[in-house]
Structure formats: structure tokens, C-alpha cells
Amino acid sequence: MLCHAIAGGTGSGMGSHALEKISDRFPKKLVQTYSVFPVMKKGEASDVVVQPYNSILTLARLIEHPNCVVVLDNTALHRIASENAPDSNSSFSHINSMVSRIMCASTATLRFPGAMNTRLINLIAPLAAYPPMRFIQTGFTPLREGDATVMKTSVGDVLRRLLQSKSMMSSAVMEKGVDHCMLSALAILQGRI
């Protein structure tokens, strides 16, 4: 697993180099990345002048080397952080906490014994079956901070909230009037079901 941002020099350059080296040295091993994308609003300028170049060059490596790329974008992360903890001013510690919870939850079946999805290939194969389509979108619910309580809910309610755009960690724009579908989906539910 590799965690990196694709806009800055270190995350894009060193991340791409690490991916190439891992692929060359261990060609049969599965590689999954958690990549933070710099999605911005239309008309905004980027913080870093070379951000578009870094992103494009890194995308070429992300298409070629890893088996699965978990897409997280800054716009969605900041939006979710400000909605769930408005007093924290969407600080980086809250965003880092969200990303770590996503990583922890998505790999829980690998760490804890169970009947299904006990190997990384069992998670990746149905989600990224065709090589160029390695980019997966994540959703997480309920997002709560610290000791906040979560009201009792049903599995159907959790799945419904999981598919809402406000639970997604990337801000993909869905066109109105166009039917959209998911090619594949995997839900990992924890707790008493």
C-alpha cells in the first residue's frame, strides 16, 4: 500500500518512483494506493504552479503500475470535514483522521478473520477487473468524531446513505438527465448487524 498526494512534488515524483521500483522489484505482488487528488472548483487557480503537470505525470504511473487506486480528493475531504466538524474549520488533523479511518475500515477484512475477502486480491479483483479501470471511489458512513453517538439504524439505511454523494470521498459531478451506474460495488459493514 502506498499513500500519497499527486499534486505536490514529493507525493507525485517520489510516489511515482516508488511505484515503479515496487513494480519492477516485485512484479507479482499486488499494489494498492490511496491517492489524494487536487480537485478544484472551476475558475480557481492552484496553490502550486506545477500542480497540473505533477498530476498528469503521476496519472500515467497510476494507470500503469498499481492494481487499484483509491481516489480521495481534497475538495470532498474538506467539504466532509466542514460538514461533520464545523468548529474545527476542517483542519488537517480531522482530514487525516478521516483518511486513516477509511484505510482502516477498507482493510479490516484482511486483518480480522472472516469468511470472505481475507486477501487483498479478493477485494481488488471485483472492483478493478479491467486494467485501465483501476480507480475506485470510496464512501464512508457514518462519519462521527470521537465519542459522538450514532443512532440505531438498519443495514438498508446505512447502504442508502453510503451511496449518497455527500458520503463519497471524491466529488464526481453527475450530469442531470443522464443515468449513471456503478460497474461494481463492495460494502464492508462493521458492528452489530
N, C-alpha and C. Protein backbone atom coordinates (compact mmCIF):
# COMPACT_ATOMS: atom_id res chain seq x y z
N MET A 1 0.84 -1.18 0.00
CA MET A 1 0.00 0.00 0.00
C MET A 1 0.88 1.23 0.00
N LEU A 2 0.44 2.22 -0.75
CA LEU A 2 1.17 3.47 -0.84
C LEU A 2 0.18 4.61 -0.66
N CYS A 3 0.51 5.53 0.21
CA CYS A 3 -0.31 6.73 0.42
C CYS A 3 0.47 7.93 -0.10
N HIS A 4 -0.18 8.74 -0.93
CA HIS A 4 0.49 9.92 -1.46
C HIS A 4 -0.52 10.89 -2.04
N ALA A 5 -0.07 12.13 -2.21
CA ALA A 5 -0.84 13.14 -2.92
C ALA A 5 -0.22 13.29 -4.29
N ILE A 6 -1.03 13.58 -5.30
CA ILE A 6 -0.48 13.61 -6.65
C ILE A 6 -0.16 15.01 -7.15
N ALA A 7 -0.44 16.04 -6.37
CA ALA A 7 -0.24 17.40 -6.87
C ALA A 7 1.13 17.97 -6.53
N GLY A 8 1.65 17.65 -5.37
CA GLY A 8 2.93 18.21 -4.95
C GLY A 8 4.10 17.44 -5.52
N GLY A 9 5.27 17.98 -5.38
CA GLY A 9 6.47 17.35 -5.93
C GLY A 9 6.85 16.05 -5.26
N THR A 10 6.76 16.01 -3.93
CA THR A 10 7.16 14.81 -3.20
C THR A 10 6.18 13.67 -3.43
N GLY A 11 4.90 13.91 -3.26
CA GLY A 11 3.90 12.86 -3.43
C GLY A 11 3.83 12.34 -4.85
N SER A 12 3.95 13.25 -5.82
CA SER A 12 3.85 12.81 -7.21
C SER A 12 5.16 12.20 -7.70
N GLY A 13 6.26 12.89 -7.50
CA GLY A 13 7.55 12.42 -8.00
C GLY A 13 8.07 11.20 -7.26
N MET A 14 8.13 11.30 -5.95
CA MET A 14 8.64 10.19 -5.16
C MET A 14 7.64 9.03 -5.15
N GLY A 15 6.34 9.35 -5.14
CA GLY A 15 5.32 8.30 -5.21
C GLY A 15 5.39 7.53 -6.51
N SER A 16 5.57 8.23 -7.63
CA SER A 16 5.70 7.58 -8.94
C SER A 16 6.96 6.71 -8.99
N HIS A 17 8.04 7.25 -8.46
CA HIS A 17 9.30 6.49 -8.43
C HIS A 17 9.16 5.23 -7.58
N ALA A 18 8.53 5.37 -6.42
CA ALA A 18 8.33 4.21 -5.53
C ALA A 18 7.45 3.16 -6.21
N LEU A 19 6.39 3.60 -6.90
CA LEU A 19 5.53 2.66 -7.62
C LEU A 19 6.29 1.90 -8.69
N GLU A 20 7.12 2.61 -9.45
CA GLU A 20 7.92 1.96 -10.50
C GLU A 20 8.87 0.94 -9.91
N LYS A 21 9.55 1.32 -8.83
CA LYS A 21 10.52 0.41 -8.20
C LYS A 21 9.84 -0.82 -7.61
N ILE A 22 8.70 -0.62 -6.96
CA ILE A 22 7.97 -1.76 -6.38
C ILE A 22 7.50 -2.70 -7.49
N SER A 23 6.99 -2.14 -8.60
CA SER A 23 6.53 -2.96 -9.72
C SER A 23 7.67 -3.73 -10.36
N ASP A 24 8.83 -3.09 -10.50
CA ASP A 24 9.98 -3.76 -11.10
C ASP A 24 10.54 -4.85 -10.19
N ARG A 25 10.65 -4.54 -8.92
CA ARG A 25 11.27 -5.47 -7.96
C ARG A 25 10.33 -6.62 -7.58
N PHE A 26 9.04 -6.33 -7.44
CA PHE A 26 8.06 -7.33 -7.02
C PHE A 26 6.89 -7.36 -8.01
N PRO A 27 7.11 -7.88 -9.23
CA PRO A 27 6.07 -7.80 -10.26
C PRO A 27 4.80 -8.59 -9.96
N LYS A 28 4.87 -9.60 -9.11
CA LYS A 28 3.69 -10.42 -8.84
C LYS A 28 2.92 -9.99 -7.59
N LYS A 29 3.42 -8.99 -6.89
CA LYS A 29 2.75 -8.50 -5.68
C LYS A 29 1.67 -7.49 -6.05
N LEU A 30 0.59 -7.50 -5.29
CA LEU A 30 -0.49 -6.53 -5.51
C LEU A 30 -0.12 -5.20 -4.86
N VAL A 31 -0.40 -4.13 -5.57
CA VAL A 31 -0.11 -2.79 -5.06
C VAL A 31 -1.41 -1.98 -5.09
N GLN A 32 -1.74 -1.40 -3.95
CA GLN A 32 -2.91 -0.54 -3.83
C GLN A 32 -2.44 0.81 -3.33
N THR A 33 -2.93 1.88 -3.93
CA THR A 33 -2.56 3.22 -3.47
C THR A 33 -3.79 3.95 -2.96
N TYR A 34 -3.56 4.81 -1.99
CA TYR A 34 -4.56 5.78 -1.53
C TYR A 34 -4.02 7.13 -2.00
N SER A 35 -4.60 7.65 -3.07
CA SER A 35 -4.07 8.84 -3.73
C SER A 35 -5.00 10.02 -3.53
N VAL A 36 -4.44 11.12 -3.03
CA VAL A 36 -5.21 12.34 -2.81
C VAL A 36 -5.08 13.21 -4.05
N PHE A 37 -6.21 13.49 -4.68
CA PHE A 37 -6.26 14.27 -5.92
C PHE A 37 -6.60 15.72 -5.61
N PRO A 38 -6.04 16.66 -6.36
CA PRO A 38 -6.28 18.09 -6.13
C PRO A 38 -7.46 18.61 -6.93
N VAL A 39 -8.65 18.13 -6.68
CA VAL A 39 -9.81 18.60 -7.43
C VAL A 39 -10.18 19.99 -6.94
N MET A 40 -10.34 20.90 -7.87
CA MET A 40 -10.66 22.29 -7.52
C MET A 40 -11.94 22.71 -8.22
N LYS A 41 -12.47 23.82 -7.79
CA LYS A 41 -13.66 24.37 -8.43
C LYS A 41 -13.26 25.09 -9.70
N LYS A 42 -14.18 25.13 -10.64
CA LYS A 42 -13.92 25.77 -11.93
C LYS A 42 -13.57 27.24 -11.73
N GLY A 43 -12.50 27.67 -12.38
CA GLY A 43 -12.09 29.06 -12.31
C GLY A 43 -11.09 29.37 -11.22
N GLU A 44 -10.82 28.42 -10.33
CA GLU A 44 -9.84 28.66 -9.26
C GLU A 44 -8.43 28.34 -9.75
N ALA A 45 -7.48 29.06 -9.24
CA ALA A 45 -6.08 28.78 -9.55
C ALA A 45 -5.53 27.83 -8.50
N SER A 46 -4.56 27.03 -8.89
CA SER A 46 -3.97 26.09 -7.94
C SER A 46 -2.96 26.78 -7.04
N ASP A 47 -2.71 26.17 -5.89
CA ASP A 47 -1.75 26.71 -4.94
C ASP A 47 -0.32 26.58 -5.46
N VAL A 48 -0.06 25.51 -6.19
CA VAL A 48 1.27 25.23 -6.71
C VAL A 48 1.24 25.40 -8.22
N VAL A 49 2.20 26.11 -8.76
CA VAL A 49 2.22 26.41 -10.19
C VAL A 49 2.32 25.13 -11.03
N VAL A 50 3.11 24.16 -10.58
CA VAL A 50 3.32 22.94 -11.36
C VAL A 50 2.33 21.83 -11.01
N GLN A 51 1.30 22.15 -10.25
CA GLN A 51 0.32 21.14 -9.83
C GLN A 51 -0.31 20.38 -11.01
N PRO A 52 -0.75 21.05 -12.08
CA PRO A 52 -1.32 20.30 -13.21
C PRO A 52 -0.33 19.34 -13.85
N TYR A 53 0.93 19.76 -13.98
CA TYR A 53 1.95 18.89 -14.57
C TYR A 53 2.22 17.68 -13.68
N ASN A 54 2.37 17.92 -12.38
CA ASN A 54 2.59 16.82 -11.44
C ASN A 54 1.45 15.81 -11.51
N SER A 55 0.23 16.32 -11.56
CA SER A 55 -0.95 15.44 -11.57
C SER A 55 -1.00 14.59 -12.84
N ILE A 56 -0.78 15.20 -13.99
CA ILE A 56 -0.84 14.47 -15.26
C ILE A 56 0.26 13.42 -15.33
N LEU A 57 1.47 13.78 -14.94
CA LEU A 57 2.58 12.83 -14.99
C LEU A 57 2.37 11.68 -14.01
N THR A 58 1.80 11.96 -12.86
CA THR A 58 1.54 10.90 -11.88
C THR A 58 0.41 9.99 -12.35
N LEU A 59 -0.60 10.55 -13.01
CA LEU A 59 -1.70 9.73 -13.52
C LEU A 59 -1.20 8.64 -14.47
N ALA A 60 -0.21 8.96 -15.28
CA ALA A 60 0.35 7.96 -16.19
C ALA A 60 0.92 6.78 -15.40
N ARG A 61 1.58 7.05 -14.29
CA ARG A 61 2.13 5.98 -13.45
C ARG A 61 1.02 5.23 -12.70
N LEU A 62 -0.03 5.95 -12.30
CA LEU A 62 -1.13 5.30 -11.58
C LEU A 62 -1.93 4.38 -12.50
N ILE A 63 -1.98 4.68 -13.78
CA ILE A 63 -2.66 3.81 -14.74
C ILE A 63 -1.81 2.56 -15.00
N GLU A 64 -0.51 2.72 -15.00
CA GLU A 64 0.40 1.64 -15.39
C GLU A 64 0.74 0.67 -14.26
N HIS A 65 1.04 1.16 -13.06
CA HIS A 65 1.66 0.30 -12.05
C HIS A 65 0.76 -0.31 -10.99
N PRO A 66 -0.03 0.42 -10.24
CA PRO A 66 -0.78 -0.24 -9.15
C PRO A 66 -1.95 -1.06 -9.68
N ASN A 67 -2.40 -2.00 -8.87
CA ASN A 67 -3.56 -2.81 -9.22
C ASN A 67 -4.86 -2.09 -8.89
N CYS A 68 -4.81 -1.17 -7.93
CA CYS A 68 -6.00 -0.46 -7.50
C CYS A 68 -5.60 0.90 -6.95
N VAL A 69 -6.33 1.94 -7.34
CA VAL A 69 -6.08 3.29 -6.85
C VAL A 69 -7.35 3.78 -6.16
N VAL A 70 -7.27 4.01 -4.86
CA VAL A 70 -8.39 4.56 -4.12
C VAL A 70 -8.32 6.07 -4.24
N VAL A 71 -9.32 6.67 -4.86
CA VAL A 71 -9.33 8.10 -5.14
C VAL A 71 -9.94 8.87 -3.97
N LEU A 72 -9.17 9.79 -3.44
CA LEU A 72 -9.63 10.72 -2.41
C LEU A 72 -9.31 12.11 -2.93
N ASP A 73 -10.27 13.02 -2.92
CA ASP A 73 -9.92 14.35 -3.40
C ASP A 73 -10.09 15.40 -2.31
N ASN A 74 -9.22 16.39 -2.38
CA ASN A 74 -9.18 17.43 -1.35
C ASN A 74 -10.49 18.18 -1.22
N THR A 75 -11.17 18.43 -2.32
CA THR A 75 -12.43 19.16 -2.27
C THR A 75 -13.46 18.41 -1.43
N ALA A 76 -13.62 17.12 -1.70
CA ALA A 76 -14.59 16.32 -0.94
C ALA A 76 -14.16 16.17 0.51
N LEU A 77 -12.88 15.96 0.75
CA LEU A 77 -12.39 15.80 2.12
C LEU A 77 -12.64 17.06 2.94
N HIS A 78 -12.36 18.23 2.37
CA HIS A 78 -12.60 19.49 3.08
C HIS A 78 -14.10 19.72 3.29
N ARG A 79 -14.92 19.38 2.29
CA ARG A 79 -16.37 19.54 2.42
C ARG A 79 -16.91 18.64 3.53
N ILE A 80 -16.52 17.39 3.54
CA ILE A 80 -17.00 16.46 4.56
C ILE A 80 -16.51 16.86 5.94
N ALA A 81 -15.26 17.31 6.03
CA ALA A 81 -14.72 17.74 7.32
C ALA A 81 -15.47 18.95 7.85
N SER A 82 -15.80 19.90 6.99
CA SER A 82 -16.51 21.09 7.46
C SER A 82 -17.97 20.78 7.81
N GLU A 83 -18.58 19.80 7.14
CA GLU A 83 -19.96 19.41 7.47
C GLU A 83 -20.04 18.64 8.78
N ASN A 84 -19.05 17.79 9.04
CA ASN A 84 -19.11 16.93 10.22
C ASN A 84 -18.47 17.53 11.46
N ALA A 85 -17.58 18.47 11.28
CA ALA A 85 -16.95 19.13 12.43
C ALA A 85 -16.78 20.60 12.10
N PRO A 86 -17.88 21.37 12.06
CA PRO A 86 -17.80 22.77 11.63
C PRO A 86 -16.93 23.64 12.54
N ASP A 87 -16.80 23.28 13.80
CA ASP A 87 -16.00 24.09 14.71
C ASP A 87 -14.50 23.90 14.50
N SER A 88 -14.09 22.80 13.85
CA SER A 88 -12.66 22.55 13.68
C SER A 88 -12.09 23.25 12.45
N ASN A 89 -12.94 23.90 11.67
CA ASN A 89 -12.50 24.64 10.48
C ASN A 89 -11.80 23.71 9.48
N SER A 90 -12.31 22.47 9.40
CA SER A 90 -11.77 21.42 8.52
C SER A 90 -10.25 21.35 8.56
N SER A 91 -9.74 21.19 9.75
CA SER A 91 -8.29 21.13 9.95
C SER A 91 -7.71 19.87 9.32
N PHE A 92 -6.40 19.92 9.10
CA PHE A 92 -5.72 18.78 8.50
C PHE A 92 -5.76 17.56 9.41
N SER A 93 -5.77 17.77 10.72
CA SER A 93 -5.82 16.62 11.62
C SER A 93 -7.16 15.88 11.47
N HIS A 94 -8.25 16.62 11.28
CA HIS A 94 -9.55 15.97 11.07
C HIS A 94 -9.58 15.23 9.73
N ILE A 95 -9.03 15.84 8.70
CA ILE A 95 -8.99 15.20 7.38
C ILE A 95 -8.10 13.96 7.42
N ASN A 96 -6.94 14.06 8.06
CA ASN A 96 -6.06 12.89 8.20
C ASN A 96 -6.74 11.78 8.98
N SER A 97 -7.52 12.15 9.99
CA SER A 97 -8.26 11.16 10.77
C SER A 97 -9.29 10.45 9.90
N MET A 98 -9.98 11.20 9.04
CA MET A 98 -10.95 10.60 8.12
C MET A 98 -10.28 9.61 7.17
N VAL A 99 -9.16 10.02 6.58
CA VAL A 99 -8.46 9.16 5.63
C VAL A 99 -7.96 7.90 6.34
N SER A 100 -7.44 8.05 7.55
CA SER A 100 -6.95 6.86 8.26
C SER A 100 -8.10 5.92 8.62
N ARG A 101 -9.28 6.46 8.95
CA ARG A 101 -10.43 5.61 9.23
C ARG A 101 -10.89 4.87 7.97
N ILE A 102 -10.82 5.54 6.83
CA ILE A 102 -11.19 4.89 5.56
C ILE A 102 -10.22 3.76 5.26
N MET A 103 -8.93 4.01 5.43
CA MET A 103 -7.93 2.97 5.19
C MET A 103 -8.11 1.81 6.15
N CYS A 104 -8.36 2.12 7.39
CA CYS A 104 -8.53 1.08 8.41
C CYS A 104 -9.77 0.23 8.12
N ALA A 105 -10.87 0.88 7.79
CA ALA A 105 -12.12 0.15 7.52
C ALA A 105 -12.02 -0.68 6.24
N SER A 106 -11.37 -0.14 5.22
CA SER A 106 -11.30 -0.86 3.95
C SER A 106 -10.35 -2.06 4.00
N THR A 107 -9.47 -2.09 4.96
CA THR A 107 -8.56 -3.23 5.10
C THR A 107 -8.89 -4.10 6.31
N ALA A 108 -10.01 -3.84 6.97
CA ALA A 108 -10.38 -4.60 8.17
C ALA A 108 -10.55 -6.08 7.89
N THR A 109 -11.09 -6.43 6.73
CA THR A 109 -11.30 -7.84 6.42
C THR A 109 -9.99 -8.59 6.22
N LEU A 110 -8.92 -7.86 5.95
CA LEU A 110 -7.61 -8.50 5.81
C LEU A 110 -6.99 -8.79 7.17
N ARG A 111 -7.31 -7.96 8.15
CA ARG A 111 -6.70 -8.09 9.47
C ARG A 111 -7.48 -8.98 10.42
N PHE A 112 -8.79 -9.02 10.26
CA PHE A 112 -9.63 -9.79 11.17
C PHE A 112 -10.19 -11.00 10.43
N PRO A 113 -10.18 -12.16 11.07
CA PRO A 113 -10.65 -13.37 10.37
C PRO A 113 -12.13 -13.29 10.04
N GLY A 114 -12.45 -13.83 8.90
CA GLY A 114 -13.84 -13.85 8.46
C GLY A 114 -14.00 -14.83 7.31
N ALA A 115 -15.21 -14.96 6.83
CA ALA A 115 -15.49 -15.93 5.78
C ALA A 115 -15.10 -15.42 4.39
N MET A 116 -15.16 -14.10 4.19
CA MET A 116 -14.91 -13.56 2.85
C MET A 116 -13.86 -12.46 2.88
N ASN A 117 -13.30 -12.20 1.70
CA ASN A 117 -12.38 -11.07 1.49
C ASN A 117 -11.24 -11.03 2.50
N THR A 118 -10.59 -12.17 2.70
CA THR A 118 -9.47 -12.21 3.63
C THR A 118 -8.13 -11.96 2.94
N ARG A 119 -8.16 -11.80 1.63
CA ARG A 119 -6.94 -11.48 0.88
C ARG A 119 -7.20 -10.23 0.04
N LEU A 120 -6.15 -9.49 -0.23
CA LEU A 120 -6.28 -8.24 -0.99
C LEU A 120 -6.83 -8.49 -2.40
N ILE A 121 -6.44 -9.59 -3.01
CA ILE A 121 -6.94 -9.89 -4.36
C ILE A 121 -8.46 -10.06 -4.37
N ASN A 122 -9.02 -10.60 -3.28
CA ASN A 122 -10.48 -10.76 -3.20
C ASN A 122 -11.20 -9.43 -3.13
N LEU A 123 -10.54 -8.40 -2.62
CA LEU A 123 -11.12 -7.06 -2.59
C LEU A 123 -10.95 -6.34 -3.91
N ILE A 124 -9.77 -6.46 -4.49
CA ILE A 124 -9.43 -5.69 -5.69
C ILE A 124 -10.06 -6.27 -6.96
N ALA A 125 -10.05 -7.58 -7.12
CA ALA A 125 -10.48 -8.21 -8.38
C ALA A 125 -11.88 -7.79 -8.83
N PRO A 126 -12.90 -7.80 -7.97
CA PRO A 126 -14.21 -7.38 -8.48
C PRO A 126 -14.34 -5.88 -8.70
N LEU A 127 -13.52 -5.09 -8.04
CA LEU A 127 -13.63 -3.63 -8.16
C LEU A 127 -12.82 -3.07 -9.32
N ALA A 128 -11.69 -3.66 -9.60
CA ALA A 128 -10.80 -3.16 -10.66
C ALA A 128 -10.43 -4.32 -11.58
N ALA A 129 -11.42 -4.87 -12.26
CA ALA A 129 -11.22 -6.07 -13.06
C ALA A 129 -10.49 -5.80 -14.37
N TYR A 130 -10.69 -4.64 -14.95
CA TYR A 130 -10.09 -4.31 -16.24
C TYR A 130 -8.94 -3.35 -15.99
N PRO A 131 -7.72 -3.66 -16.46
CA PRO A 131 -6.52 -2.89 -16.08
C PRO A 131 -6.59 -1.36 -16.14
N PRO A 132 -7.09 -0.72 -17.20
CA PRO A 132 -7.10 0.75 -17.15
C PRO A 132 -8.09 1.31 -16.13
N MET A 133 -9.06 0.51 -15.74
CA MET A 133 -10.08 0.97 -14.80
C MET A 133 -9.67 0.60 -13.38
N ARG A 134 -8.61 1.19 -12.91
CA ARG A 134 -8.05 0.88 -11.60
C ARG A 134 -8.52 1.84 -10.52
N PHE A 135 -9.20 2.88 -10.90
CA PHE A 135 -9.55 3.95 -9.97
C PHE A 135 -10.91 3.66 -9.33
N ILE A 136 -10.92 3.57 -8.01
CA ILE A 136 -12.18 3.29 -7.32
C ILE A 136 -12.54 4.46 -6.42
N GLN A 137 -13.82 4.63 -6.25
CA GLN A 137 -14.36 5.72 -5.44
C GLN A 137 -14.81 5.12 -4.11
N THR A 138 -14.56 5.83 -3.03
CA THR A 138 -14.93 5.32 -1.72
C THR A 138 -16.03 6.17 -1.10
N GLY A 139 -16.82 5.52 -0.29
CA GLY A 139 -17.82 6.20 0.51
C GLY A 139 -17.67 5.71 1.94
N PHE A 140 -18.06 6.52 2.90
CA PHE A 140 -17.92 6.15 4.31
C PHE A 140 -19.06 6.76 5.10
N THR A 141 -19.73 5.93 5.87
CA THR A 141 -20.80 6.42 6.73
C THR A 141 -20.95 5.48 7.92
N PRO A 142 -21.31 5.91 9.08
CA PRO A 142 -21.45 7.30 9.50
C PRO A 142 -20.09 7.89 9.86
N LEU A 143 -19.91 9.14 9.52
CA LEU A 143 -18.70 9.86 9.91
C LEU A 143 -19.00 10.56 11.22
N ARG A 144 -18.32 10.15 12.24
CA ARG A 144 -18.53 10.79 13.54
C ARG A 144 -17.17 11.04 14.17
N GLU A 145 -17.13 11.99 15.03
CA GLU A 145 -15.87 12.40 15.65
C GLU A 145 -15.84 11.93 17.10
N GLY A 146 -14.77 11.25 17.47
CA GLY A 146 -14.54 10.87 18.86
C GLY A 146 -15.62 10.00 19.45
N ASP A 147 -16.20 10.46 20.56
CA ASP A 147 -17.20 9.69 21.30
C ASP A 147 -18.63 10.02 20.89
N ALA A 148 -18.83 10.66 19.76
CA ALA A 148 -20.18 11.00 19.31
C ALA A 148 -21.00 9.73 19.12
N THR A 149 -22.24 9.80 19.52
CA THR A 149 -23.11 8.62 19.41
C THR A 149 -23.71 8.52 18.02
N VAL A 150 -23.99 7.30 17.64
CA VAL A 150 -24.63 7.03 16.35
C VAL A 150 -25.97 6.39 16.66
N MET A 151 -27.03 6.96 16.07
CA MET A 151 -28.36 6.40 16.34
C MET A 151 -28.50 5.02 15.71
N LYS A 152 -29.36 4.22 16.31
CA LYS A 152 -29.59 2.87 15.80
C LYS A 152 -30.15 2.97 14.39
N THR A 153 -29.64 2.13 13.52
CA THR A 153 -30.03 2.19 12.12
C THR A 153 -30.07 0.79 11.53
N SER A 154 -30.63 0.66 10.35
CA SER A 154 -30.71 -0.64 9.68
C SER A 154 -29.63 -0.73 8.61
N VAL A 155 -29.39 -1.95 8.13
CA VAL A 155 -28.41 -2.17 7.07
C VAL A 155 -28.84 -1.43 5.81
N GLY A 156 -30.11 -1.47 5.48
CA GLY A 156 -30.62 -0.77 4.30
C GLY A 156 -30.39 0.73 4.37
N ASP A 157 -30.59 1.30 5.56
CA ASP A 157 -30.38 2.73 5.75
C ASP A 157 -28.90 3.09 5.59
N VAL A 158 -28.03 2.26 6.14
CA VAL A 158 -26.59 2.50 6.00
C VAL A 158 -26.18 2.42 4.54
N LEU A 159 -26.66 1.42 3.81
CA LEU A 159 -26.32 1.29 2.39
C LEU A 159 -26.87 2.46 1.58
N ARG A 160 -28.07 2.92 1.90
CA ARG A 160 -28.65 4.08 1.20
C ARG A 160 -27.78 5.33 1.42
N ARG A 161 -27.36 5.56 2.67
CA ARG A 161 -26.51 6.72 2.97
C ARG A 161 -25.13 6.57 2.35
N LEU A 162 -24.65 5.34 2.26
CA LEU A 162 -23.33 5.09 1.69
C LEU A 162 -23.26 5.49 0.23
N LEU A 163 -24.36 5.36 -0.50
CA LEU A 163 -24.38 5.68 -1.92
C LEU A 163 -24.72 7.13 -2.22
N GLN A 164 -25.00 7.93 -1.21
CA GLN A 164 -25.28 9.35 -1.42
C GLN A 164 -23.98 10.09 -1.72
N SER A 165 -24.07 11.14 -2.51
CA SER A 165 -22.87 11.88 -2.90
C SER A 165 -22.18 12.54 -1.72
N LYS A 166 -22.92 12.88 -0.67
CA LYS A 166 -22.29 13.52 0.49
C LYS A 166 -21.44 12.55 1.31
N SER A 167 -21.57 11.25 1.06
CA SER A 167 -20.74 10.26 1.75
C SER A 167 -19.52 9.86 0.94
N MET A 168 -19.43 10.33 -0.30
CA MET A 168 -18.33 9.96 -1.18
C MET A 168 -17.09 10.81 -0.92
N MET A 169 -15.93 10.18 -1.01
CA MET A 169 -14.66 10.86 -0.76
C MET A 169 -14.07 11.47 -2.02
N SER A 170 -14.85 11.51 -3.06
CA SER A 170 -14.46 12.23 -4.28
C SER A 170 -15.68 12.97 -4.78
N SER A 171 -15.45 14.11 -5.39
CA SER A 171 -16.58 14.94 -5.83
C SER A 171 -16.77 14.82 -7.32
N ALA A 172 -17.23 13.65 -7.75
CA ALA A 172 -17.54 13.45 -9.15
C ALA A 172 -18.85 14.16 -9.46
N VAL A 173 -18.88 14.89 -10.55
CA VAL A 173 -20.07 15.64 -10.94
C VAL A 173 -20.95 14.73 -11.79
N MET A 174 -22.16 14.53 -11.34
CA MET A 174 -23.12 13.72 -12.09
C MET A 174 -24.01 14.64 -12.90
N GLU A 175 -24.05 14.42 -14.20
CA GLU A 175 -24.88 15.25 -15.07
C GLU A 175 -26.35 14.94 -14.86
N LYS A 176 -27.17 15.98 -14.86
CA LYS A 176 -28.62 15.78 -14.71
C LYS A 176 -29.18 15.24 -16.02
N GLY A 177 -30.12 14.35 -15.91
CA GLY A 177 -30.75 13.78 -17.08
C GLY A 177 -30.00 12.60 -17.67
N VAL A 178 -28.87 12.23 -17.08
CA VAL A 178 -28.09 11.09 -17.56
C VAL A 178 -28.14 10.01 -16.50
N ASP A 179 -28.46 8.80 -16.92
CA ASP A 179 -28.47 7.69 -15.97
C ASP A 179 -27.04 7.24 -15.72
N HIS A 180 -26.67 7.18 -14.46
CA HIS A 180 -25.33 6.74 -14.08
C HIS A 180 -25.44 5.40 -13.37
N CYS A 181 -24.43 4.60 -13.50
CA CYS A 181 -24.44 3.31 -12.83
C CYS A 181 -23.06 3.00 -12.29
N MET A 182 -23.02 2.05 -11.38
CA MET A 182 -21.75 1.56 -10.86
C MET A 182 -21.45 0.25 -11.56
N LEU A 183 -20.20 0.07 -11.96
CA LEU A 183 -19.82 -1.19 -12.58
C LEU A 183 -19.70 -2.29 -11.55
N SER A 184 -19.24 -1.91 -10.36
CA SER A 184 -19.06 -2.88 -9.29
C SER A 184 -19.07 -2.13 -7.97
N ALA A 185 -19.50 -2.79 -6.92
CA ALA A 185 -19.52 -2.16 -5.61
C ALA A 185 -19.22 -3.21 -4.54
N LEU A 186 -18.65 -2.76 -3.46
CA LEU A 186 -18.33 -3.62 -2.33
C LEU A 186 -18.61 -2.83 -1.07
N ALA A 187 -19.41 -3.37 -0.19
CA ALA A 187 -19.71 -2.71 1.08
C ALA A 187 -19.13 -3.53 2.21
N ILE A 188 -18.37 -2.87 3.06
CA ILE A 188 -17.82 -3.52 4.25
C ILE A 188 -18.54 -2.91 5.44
N LEU A 189 -19.35 -3.72 6.10
CA LEU A 189 -20.13 -3.25 7.24
C LEU A 189 -19.49 -3.79 8.52
N GLN A 190 -19.36 -2.93 9.51
CA GLN A 190 -18.79 -3.34 10.80
C GLN A 190 -19.80 -3.06 11.90
N GLY A 191 -19.71 -3.82 12.94
CA GLY A 191 -20.60 -3.63 14.08
C GLY A 191 -21.65 -4.71 14.15
N ARG A 192 -22.64 -4.49 14.98
CA ARG A 192 -23.73 -5.46 15.13
C ARG A 192 -24.71 -5.30 13.97
N ILE A 193 -24.88 -6.36 13.23
CA ILE A 193 -25.76 -6.32 12.06
C ILE A 193 -26.96 -7.22 12.30
